[in-house]
Protein backbone atom coordinates (compact mmCIF):
# COMPACT_ATOMS: atom_id res chain seq x y z
CA UNK A 1 30.56 -12.00 40.11
CA UNK A 2 28.70 -9.84 37.51
CA UNK A 3 25.24 -11.11 38.76
CA UNK A 4 25.93 -9.14 42.01
CA UNK A 5 26.00 -5.77 39.72
CA UNK A 6 22.83 -3.68 39.86
CA UNK A 7 22.03 -0.84 37.53
CA UNK A 8 23.52 -2.12 34.46
CA UNK A 9 22.57 -1.13 30.85
CA UNK A 10 21.93 -3.53 27.90
CA UNK A 11 22.29 -2.45 24.23
CA UNK A 12 20.90 -4.57 21.66
CA UNK A 13 20.43 -4.36 18.10
CA UNK A 14 19.80 -6.51 14.73
CA UNK A 15 18.19 -3.67 12.53
CA UNK A 16 20.41 -4.25 9.67
CA UNK A 17 23.19 -6.75 8.48
CA UNK A 18 24.61 -7.08 12.06
CA UNK A 19 23.57 -8.52 15.31
CA UNK A 20 25.05 -7.46 18.80
CA UNK A 21 24.52 -7.04 22.33
CA UNK A 22 26.30 -5.03 24.93
CA UNK A 23 26.20 -4.98 28.67
CA UNK A 24 27.64 -1.80 30.23
CA UNK A 25 27.66 0.26 33.34
CA UNK A 26 28.49 3.95 33.35
CA UNK A 27 30.00 3.81 29.90
CA UNK A 28 32.31 0.91 31.09
CA UNK A 29 31.76 -2.25 28.66
CA UNK A 30 31.16 -5.39 30.91
CA UNK A 31 30.21 -8.08 27.88
CA UNK A 32 30.18 -7.06 24.26
CA UNK A 33 29.72 -9.31 21.08
CA UNK A 34 28.44 -8.92 17.45
CA UNK A 35 28.19 -11.04 14.62
CA UNK A 36 27.61 -10.15 10.96
CA UNK A 37 24.21 -11.38 9.79
CA UNK A 38 22.40 -11.20 6.48
CA UNK A 39 19.58 -13.58 7.19
CA UNK A 40 18.39 -15.55 10.35
CA UNK A 41 18.97 -12.70 12.69
CA UNK A 42 16.66 -14.37 15.39
CA UNK A 43 19.02 -17.24 15.63
CA UNK A 44 22.21 -15.21 15.78
CA UNK A 45 20.76 -12.87 18.31
CA UNK A 46 19.25 -15.58 20.48
CA UNK A 47 22.63 -17.10 20.48
CA UNK A 48 24.33 -14.15 21.56
CA UNK A 49 21.90 -13.53 24.39
CA UNK A 50 22.46 -16.99 25.59
CA UNK A 51 26.21 -16.54 25.49
CA UNK A 52 25.87 -13.35 27.60
CA UNK A 53 23.97 -14.90 30.20
CA UNK A 54 26.23 -18.00 30.51
CA UNK A 55 29.20 -15.94 30.48
CA UNK A 56 28.18 -13.32 32.97
CA UNK A 57 25.49 -15.03 35.04
CA UNK A 58 23.39 -11.86 34.62
CA UNK A 59 19.75 -11.71 35.64
CA UNK A 60 17.22 -9.53 34.04
CA UNK A 61 16.75 -7.60 37.47
CA UNK A 62 20.43 -6.66 37.36
CA UNK A 63 19.58 -4.57 34.38
CA UNK A 64 17.83 -1.23 34.92
CA UNK A 65 18.20 0.29 31.54
CA UNK A 66 17.78 -0.99 28.05
CA UNK A 67 18.76 0.67 24.52
CA UNK A 68 17.03 -0.31 21.46
CA UNK A 69 17.02 0.94 17.67
CA UNK A 70 13.58 1.62 16.71
CA UNK A 71 14.22 1.92 12.81
CA UNK A 72 13.58 2.67 10.14
CA UNK A 73 15.29 -0.46 9.35
CA UNK A 74 14.63 -4.07 7.99
CA UNK A 75 11.31 -4.75 9.51
CA UNK A 76 11.71 -8.33 10.23
CA UNK A 77 15.32 -8.04 11.57
CA UNK A 78 14.59 -5.12 14.28
CA UNK A 79 11.17 -6.85 15.01
CA UNK A 80 13.10 -9.96 15.90
CA UNK A 81 15.38 -8.00 18.31
CA UNK A 82 12.33 -6.21 20.13
CA UNK A 83 10.53 -9.70 20.36
CA UNK A 84 13.80 -11.28 22.07
CA UNK A 85 14.14 -8.28 24.39
CA UNK A 86 10.33 -8.44 25.30
CA UNK A 87 10.85 -12.27 26.25
CA UNK A 88 13.99 -11.57 28.12
CA UNK A 89 12.64 -9.01 30.21
CA UNK A 90 8.84 -10.55 30.44
CA UNK A 91 9.10 -10.51 34.30
CA UNK A 92 11.05 -7.37 35.06
CA UNK A 93 10.44 -3.85 34.23
CA UNK A 94 13.43 -2.04 32.44
CA UNK A 95 13.39 1.42 31.51
CA UNK A 96 13.65 1.40 27.66
CA UNK A 97 15.69 4.30 25.69
CA UNK A 98 14.76 4.22 22.11
CA UNK A 99 16.82 5.66 19.30
CA UNK A 100 16.11 6.29 15.57
CA UNK A 101 18.42 4.54 13.18
CA UNK A 102 20.05 7.85 12.33
CA UNK A 103 20.68 8.77 15.96
CA UNK A 104 22.15 5.38 16.52
CA UNK A 105 24.74 5.73 13.66
CA UNK A 106 25.63 9.15 14.99
CA UNK A 107 26.28 7.83 18.70
CA UNK A 108 28.91 5.77 16.86
CA UNK A 109 31.09 8.82 15.97
CA UNK A 110 34.57 8.70 17.82
CA UNK A 111 34.95 12.50 17.56
CA UNK A 112 33.12 15.82 17.50
CA UNK A 113 32.40 17.30 14.23
CA UNK A 114 31.72 20.85 12.96
CA UNK A 115 29.89 20.32 9.86
CA UNK A 116 26.43 18.91 8.99
CA UNK A 117 26.26 15.27 8.63
CA UNK A 118 24.35 12.97 5.96
CA UNK A 119 23.47 9.72 7.28
CA UNK A 120 22.82 7.26 4.33
CA UNK A 121 20.96 4.16 5.06
CA UNK A 122 20.66 1.06 3.16
CA UNK A 123 17.75 -1.50 4.05
CA UNK A 124 18.21 -3.79 0.94
CA UNK A 125 15.82 -1.79 -1.21
CA UNK A 126 16.47 -0.19 -4.63
CA UNK A 127 16.95 3.35 -2.70
CA UNK A 128 18.54 4.78 0.11
CA UNK A 129 17.30 6.70 2.99
CA UNK A 130 19.17 10.22 3.49
CA UNK A 131 18.74 11.92 6.85
CA UNK A 132 20.58 15.28 7.31
CA UNK A 133 22.08 15.62 11.08
CA UNK A 134 23.63 18.54 12.68
CA UNK A 135 27.00 18.59 14.48
CA UNK A 136 25.01 18.07 17.95
CA UNK A 137 23.11 14.80 16.62
CA UNK A 138 19.76 16.73 16.13
CA UNK A 139 17.87 15.40 12.85
CA UNK A 140 17.10 18.24 10.50
CA UNK A 141 14.15 18.01 8.46
CA UNK A 142 12.46 14.84 7.07
CA UNK A 143 14.19 11.62 5.77
CA UNK A 144 14.52 11.76 1.97
CA UNK A 145 14.24 8.71 -0.10
CA UNK A 146 16.40 8.69 -3.10
CA UNK A 147 17.60 6.48 -5.88
CA UNK A 148 21.18 5.81 -6.87
CA UNK A 149 21.40 8.31 -9.70
CA UNK A 150 22.54 11.69 -10.76
CA UNK A 151 20.18 13.38 -8.23
CA UNK A 152 22.04 11.74 -5.54
CA UNK A 153 25.55 12.78 -6.93
CA UNK A 154 24.29 16.22 -7.09
CA UNK A 155 23.31 16.08 -3.26
CA UNK A 156 26.53 14.64 -2.13
CA UNK A 157 28.51 17.12 -4.05
CA UNK A 158 27.65 19.68 -1.36
CA UNK A 159 29.98 19.90 1.80
CA UNK A 160 28.56 17.20 4.06
CA UNK A 161 30.33 14.45 6.15
CA UNK A 162 29.05 11.15 5.68
CA UNK A 163 28.00 8.01 7.67
CA UNK A 164 25.78 5.25 7.38
CA UNK A 165 25.87 1.53 6.04
CA UNK A 166 24.84 3.14 2.51
CA UNK A 167 28.20 4.59 2.07
CA UNK A 168 29.69 1.16 1.44
CA UNK A 169 26.94 0.58 -1.34
CA UNK A 170 27.86 3.85 -2.97
CA UNK A 171 31.64 3.32 -2.75
CA UNK A 172 31.45 0.33 -5.04
CA UNK A 173 30.09 2.67 -7.90
CA UNK A 174 32.79 4.86 -9.43
CA UNK A 175 30.57 7.68 -10.18
CA UNK A 176 30.55 7.98 -6.18
CA UNK A 177 34.17 7.43 -5.38
CA UNK A 178 34.73 11.19 -4.73
CA UNK A 179 33.08 10.85 -1.19
CA UNK A 180 35.53 8.56 -0.05
CA UNK A 181 37.55 11.27 2.08
CA UNK A 182 34.32 12.45 3.72
CA UNK A 183 33.41 9.42 5.43
CA UNK A 184 33.94 10.02 9.07
CA UNK A 185 32.05 7.46 11.00
CA UNK A 186 30.44 4.24 11.36
CA UNK A 187 28.98 2.30 8.34
CA UNK A 188 27.61 -0.61 10.16
CA UNK A 189 25.58 -0.60 13.52
CA UNK A 190 26.85 -2.08 16.91
CA UNK A 191 25.06 -1.84 20.15
CA UNK A 192 28.19 -0.55 22.10
CA UNK A 193 27.41 2.79 20.45
CA UNK A 194 24.67 3.19 22.92
CA UNK A 195 27.07 3.75 25.72
CA UNK A 196 28.09 7.02 24.28
CA UNK A 197 24.58 8.74 25.36
CA UNK A 198 24.57 12.31 23.89
CA UNK A 199 20.90 12.83 23.65
CA UNK A 200 18.53 13.87 26.18
CA UNK A 201 16.16 10.93 26.19
CA UNK A 202 13.50 9.93 28.50
CA UNK A 203 13.16 6.47 29.17
CA UNK A 204 9.82 4.45 29.73
CA UNK A 205 8.77 0.89 30.17
CA UNK A 206 7.23 0.46 26.81
CA UNK A 207 8.73 -0.78 23.98
CA UNK A 208 8.72 1.78 20.78
CA UNK A 209 6.82 1.33 17.77
CA UNK A 210 9.00 0.25 15.23
CA UNK A 211 9.32 2.52 12.10
CA UNK A 212 9.11 1.25 8.79
CA UNK A 213 9.52 1.70 5.92
CA UNK A 214 11.66 4.65 6.12
CA UNK A 215 9.35 6.96 3.72
CA UNK A 216 7.12 8.51 4.79
CA UNK A 217 8.27 8.82 8.54
């Protein structure tokens, strides 16, 4: 029975257009499910949590670590995620590991890279958030907010690898078709990326402050 296991880890996310929950231990996935979601994240995520509890009989006290995306992202969507997690763990102190949205995307890479990466995030505004990341997943400099125009075309002409949900938005425009061969990683967020813990994170028992909007950081 799953509820006899201890020191489990849970990842939960609804920061953009996809809700998901993953239950795992030592990188082995015990339960994992996600669903595309543009609106009503709280309903979708609540239903996923209900399914997880029903199918695994898991209790909060079986979980020792919680992994969360803290943004910058769609504020209401990510706030609903944090609120649901707070309610689930209200009577159980769980150690929390928080990641920026850019680190979260980087965790989804399936192979090591040797070049710098640009993570392009679209949070349903007129502009995009652009964050440079080194091959080890460390953020370089500040996040830039850019419109979809010639300045962005010029930036992307440089030799960067690309990840992030904003990539899909750009590929729909003919002036950005040249970036197709440089997309190397995830273009949507899933909570199962959290099992790939490549960062030296320190957990604590306090929920992180949500970062929004993405400019300034």
